[in-house]
Amino acid sequence: MGELIPAGFRKLDVVDAVGDDQGVALMVEGHADGINGLYNNKYVFIFKFSEGQIISLREYTSDLLVETRLYKQKVVADD
């Protein structure tokens, strides 16, 4: 993501977390300057564990914000 967020994230804040011995979900807010404007996105990261090791990670975020703020895509109406 270096060229998309050249200065990196200004802030990454974990705003909530839920979990047990098999996994954890982290709700995170990120703040950065993207190549096409402010990139302030919200994420959910889901980590699964086995024997004390991370075995999988899923990330959920706003695809629309990624496309418009990081890849310079335009939102157009479907006529």
N, C-alpha and C. Protein backbone atom coordinates (compact mmCIF):
# COMPACT_ATOMS: atom_id res chain seq x y z
N MET A 1 0.82 -1.19 0.00
CA MET A 1 0.00 0.00 0.00
C MET A 1 0.86 1.26 0.00
N GLY A 2 2.16 1.12 -0.09
CA GLY A 2 3.06 2.25 -0.01
C GLY A 2 2.75 3.37 -0.98
N GLU A 3 2.48 3.04 -2.25
CA GLU A 3 2.22 4.10 -3.22
C GLU A 3 0.80 4.65 -3.09
N LEU A 4 -0.12 3.89 -2.49
CA LEU A 4 -1.50 4.35 -2.32
C LEU A 4 -1.67 5.23 -1.09
N ILE A 5 -0.91 4.95 -0.06
CA ILE A 5 -0.91 5.75 1.17
C ILE A 5 0.56 6.07 1.47
N PRO A 6 1.13 7.02 0.72
CA PRO A 6 2.58 7.27 0.80
C PRO A 6 3.11 7.58 2.20
N ALA A 7 2.36 8.32 2.99
CA ALA A 7 2.82 8.68 4.34
C ALA A 7 2.42 7.65 5.39
N GLY A 8 1.75 6.58 4.96
CA GLY A 8 1.27 5.57 5.92
C GLY A 8 0.07 6.09 6.69
N PHE A 9 -0.41 5.28 7.60
CA PHE A 9 -1.56 5.67 8.41
C PHE A 9 -1.12 6.64 9.51
N ARG A 10 -1.89 7.72 9.68
CA ARG A 10 -1.64 8.64 10.79
C ARG A 10 -2.06 7.99 12.10
N LYS A 11 -3.18 7.28 12.06
CA LYS A 11 -3.71 6.63 13.25
C LYS A 11 -4.40 5.34 12.88
N LEU A 12 -4.23 4.33 13.70
CA LEU A 12 -5.02 3.10 13.64
C LEU A 12 -5.48 2.84 15.07
N ASP A 13 -6.78 2.93 15.28
CA ASP A 13 -7.34 2.77 16.62
C ASP A 13 -8.21 1.53 16.70
N VAL A 14 -7.93 0.66 17.65
CA VAL A 14 -8.83 -0.46 17.95
C VAL A 14 -9.94 0.11 18.82
N VAL A 15 -11.17 0.09 18.30
CA VAL A 15 -12.29 0.68 19.03
C VAL A 15 -13.11 -0.35 19.78
N ASP A 16 -12.96 -1.63 19.43
CA ASP A 16 -13.66 -2.70 20.14
C ASP A 16 -13.02 -4.02 19.78
N ALA A 17 -13.21 -5.00 20.63
CA ALA A 17 -12.68 -6.34 20.38
C ALA A 17 -13.56 -7.36 21.08
N VAL A 18 -13.79 -8.47 20.42
CA VAL A 18 -14.50 -9.61 21.02
C VAL A 18 -13.73 -10.86 20.64
N GLY A 19 -13.72 -11.84 21.53
CA GLY A 19 -13.01 -13.05 21.19
C GLY A 19 -13.09 -14.11 22.25
N ASP A 20 -12.47 -15.23 21.93
CA ASP A 20 -12.33 -16.36 22.85
C ASP A 20 -11.02 -17.06 22.51
N ASP A 21 -10.83 -18.28 22.99
CA ASP A 21 -9.56 -18.97 22.75
C ASP A 21 -9.40 -19.45 21.31
N GLN A 22 -10.45 -19.37 20.50
CA GLN A 22 -10.36 -19.79 19.10
C GLN A 22 -10.19 -18.64 18.12
N GLY A 23 -10.45 -17.41 18.58
CA GLY A 23 -10.31 -16.29 17.66
C GLY A 23 -10.69 -14.97 18.29
N VAL A 24 -10.48 -13.91 17.55
CA VAL A 24 -10.81 -12.57 18.00
C VAL A 24 -11.22 -11.72 16.80
N ALA A 25 -12.17 -10.81 17.03
CA ALA A 25 -12.56 -9.82 16.02
C ALA A 25 -12.18 -8.45 16.56
N LEU A 26 -11.43 -7.70 15.78
CA LEU A 26 -11.03 -6.35 16.15
C LEU A 26 -11.74 -5.36 15.26
N MET A 27 -12.40 -4.36 15.85
CA MET A 27 -12.98 -3.26 15.11
C MET A 27 -11.98 -2.12 15.17
N VAL A 28 -11.55 -1.66 13.99
CA VAL A 28 -10.44 -0.70 13.88
C VAL A 28 -10.86 0.48 13.02
N GLU A 29 -10.42 1.67 13.40
CA GLU A 29 -10.60 2.86 12.58
C GLU A 29 -9.23 3.35 12.14
N GLY A 30 -9.08 3.55 10.83
CA GLY A 30 -7.82 4.01 10.28
C GLY A 30 -7.95 5.40 9.68
N HIS A 31 -6.90 6.21 9.83
CA HIS A 31 -6.89 7.58 9.31
C HIS A 31 -5.60 7.80 8.54
N ALA A 32 -5.76 8.22 7.26
CA ALA A 32 -4.59 8.43 6.41
C ALA A 32 -4.94 9.40 5.30
N ASP A 33 -3.91 9.86 4.59
CA ASP A 33 -4.09 10.64 3.38
C ASP A 33 -3.82 9.71 2.21
N GLY A 34 -4.87 9.40 1.44
CA GLY A 34 -4.72 8.57 0.26
C GLY A 34 -4.28 9.40 -0.92
N ILE A 35 -4.02 8.77 -2.04
CA ILE A 35 -3.58 9.50 -3.23
C ILE A 35 -4.69 10.35 -3.83
N ASN A 36 -5.94 10.14 -3.37
CA ASN A 36 -7.07 10.88 -3.92
C ASN A 36 -7.92 11.50 -2.81
N GLY A 37 -7.31 11.87 -1.70
CA GLY A 37 -8.04 12.52 -0.62
C GLY A 37 -7.95 11.74 0.68
N LEU A 38 -8.67 12.23 1.68
CA LEU A 38 -8.66 11.58 2.98
C LEU A 38 -9.12 10.14 2.87
N TYR A 39 -8.44 9.28 3.57
CA TYR A 39 -8.79 7.86 3.59
C TYR A 39 -9.00 7.46 5.05
N ASN A 40 -10.21 7.72 5.54
CA ASN A 40 -10.57 7.38 6.90
C ASN A 40 -11.57 6.23 6.81
N ASN A 41 -11.10 5.02 7.05
CA ASN A 41 -11.91 3.84 6.85
C ASN A 41 -12.09 3.09 8.15
N LYS A 42 -13.11 2.24 8.18
CA LYS A 42 -13.37 1.36 9.31
C LYS A 42 -13.16 -0.07 8.85
N TYR A 43 -12.63 -0.89 9.76
CA TYR A 43 -12.28 -2.26 9.43
C TYR A 43 -12.78 -3.20 10.51
N VAL A 44 -12.98 -4.45 10.12
CA VAL A 44 -13.12 -5.55 11.07
C VAL A 44 -12.10 -6.59 10.64
N PHE A 45 -11.22 -6.96 11.56
CA PHE A 45 -10.23 -8.01 11.32
C PHE A 45 -10.63 -9.21 12.17
N ILE A 46 -10.77 -10.36 11.54
CA ILE A 46 -11.12 -11.57 12.26
C ILE A 46 -9.95 -12.54 12.20
N PHE A 47 -9.37 -12.79 13.36
CA PHE A 47 -8.24 -13.71 13.50
C PHE A 47 -8.75 -15.02 14.06
N LYS A 48 -8.33 -16.14 13.47
CA LYS A 48 -8.61 -17.48 14.00
C LYS A 48 -7.30 -18.07 14.51
N PHE A 49 -7.37 -18.76 15.65
CA PHE A 49 -6.19 -19.32 16.28
C PHE A 49 -6.25 -20.83 16.36
N SER A 50 -5.09 -21.46 16.36
CA SER A 50 -4.95 -22.88 16.65
C SER A 50 -3.60 -23.09 17.31
N GLU A 51 -3.61 -23.70 18.45
CA GLU A 51 -2.38 -23.99 19.20
C GLU A 51 -1.54 -22.73 19.40
N GLY A 52 -2.19 -21.63 19.71
CA GLY A 52 -1.49 -20.38 20.00
C GLY A 52 -0.96 -19.63 18.80
N GLN A 53 -1.29 -20.09 17.59
CA GLN A 53 -0.82 -19.45 16.36
C GLN A 53 -2.01 -18.92 15.56
N ILE A 54 -1.80 -17.82 14.85
CA ILE A 54 -2.82 -17.32 13.93
C ILE A 54 -2.85 -18.22 12.71
N ILE A 55 -4.02 -18.77 12.41
CA ILE A 55 -4.14 -19.66 11.25
C ILE A 55 -4.90 -19.03 10.10
N SER A 56 -5.67 -17.96 10.39
CA SER A 56 -6.34 -17.25 9.31
C SER A 56 -6.66 -15.84 9.75
N LEU A 57 -6.82 -14.98 8.74
CA LEU A 57 -7.18 -13.58 8.97
C LEU A 57 -8.11 -13.16 7.85
N ARG A 58 -9.25 -12.58 8.22
CA ARG A 58 -10.17 -11.98 7.24
C ARG A 58 -10.30 -10.51 7.56
N GLU A 59 -10.37 -9.69 6.52
CA GLU A 59 -10.51 -8.25 6.68
C GLU A 59 -11.78 -7.80 5.97
N TYR A 60 -12.58 -7.00 6.66
CA TYR A 60 -13.78 -6.41 6.07
C TYR A 60 -13.64 -4.90 6.17
N THR A 61 -13.93 -4.21 5.04
CA THR A 61 -13.79 -2.76 5.00
C THR A 61 -14.69 -2.22 3.90
N SER A 62 -14.72 -0.91 3.71
CA SER A 62 -15.52 -0.29 2.67
C SER A 62 -14.80 -0.36 1.33
N ASP A 63 -15.26 -1.22 0.44
CA ASP A 63 -14.68 -1.30 -0.89
C ASP A 63 -14.84 0.00 -1.66
N LEU A 64 -15.96 0.68 -1.47
CA LEU A 64 -16.22 1.93 -2.18
C LEU A 64 -15.19 2.99 -1.78
N LEU A 65 -14.89 3.09 -0.50
CA LEU A 65 -13.90 4.07 -0.06
C LEU A 65 -12.52 3.73 -0.60
N VAL A 66 -12.17 2.47 -0.62
CA VAL A 66 -10.87 2.05 -1.18
C VAL A 66 -10.80 2.46 -2.65
N GLU A 67 -11.84 2.16 -3.41
CA GLU A 67 -11.83 2.45 -4.85
C GLU A 67 -11.78 3.95 -5.14
N THR A 68 -12.52 4.76 -4.38
CA THR A 68 -12.58 6.19 -4.69
C THR A 68 -11.41 6.98 -4.11
N ARG A 69 -10.87 6.57 -2.96
CA ARG A 69 -9.80 7.33 -2.31
C ARG A 69 -8.41 6.81 -2.61
N LEU A 70 -8.30 5.54 -2.96
CA LEU A 70 -6.98 4.98 -3.21
C LEU A 70 -6.72 4.67 -4.68
N TYR A 71 -7.76 4.38 -5.45
CA TYR A 71 -7.56 4.00 -6.84
C TYR A 71 -8.15 5.00 -7.84
N LYS A 72 -8.61 6.14 -7.36
CA LYS A 72 -9.13 7.23 -8.21
C LYS A 72 -10.28 6.81 -9.11
N GLN A 73 -11.09 5.86 -8.67
CA GLN A 73 -12.27 5.46 -9.43
C GLN A 73 -13.40 6.45 -9.15
N LYS A 74 -14.26 6.66 -10.11
CA LYS A 74 -15.42 7.55 -9.97
C LYS A 74 -16.67 6.71 -9.79
N VAL A 75 -17.59 7.21 -8.98
CA VAL A 75 -18.88 6.57 -8.80
C VAL A 75 -19.82 7.19 -9.83
N VAL A 76 -20.45 6.36 -10.65
CA VAL A 76 -21.36 6.87 -11.68
C VAL A 76 -22.70 6.16 -11.53
N ALA A 77 -23.75 6.86 -11.91
CA ALA A 77 -25.09 6.29 -11.86
C ALA A 77 -25.26 5.30 -13.01
N ASP A 78 -25.98 4.24 -12.73
CA ASP A 78 -26.30 3.24 -13.75
C ASP A 78 -27.62 3.66 -14.40
N ASP A 79 -27.55 4.18 -15.63
CA ASP A 79 -28.76 4.69 -16.30
C ASP A 79 -29.58 3.60 -16.89
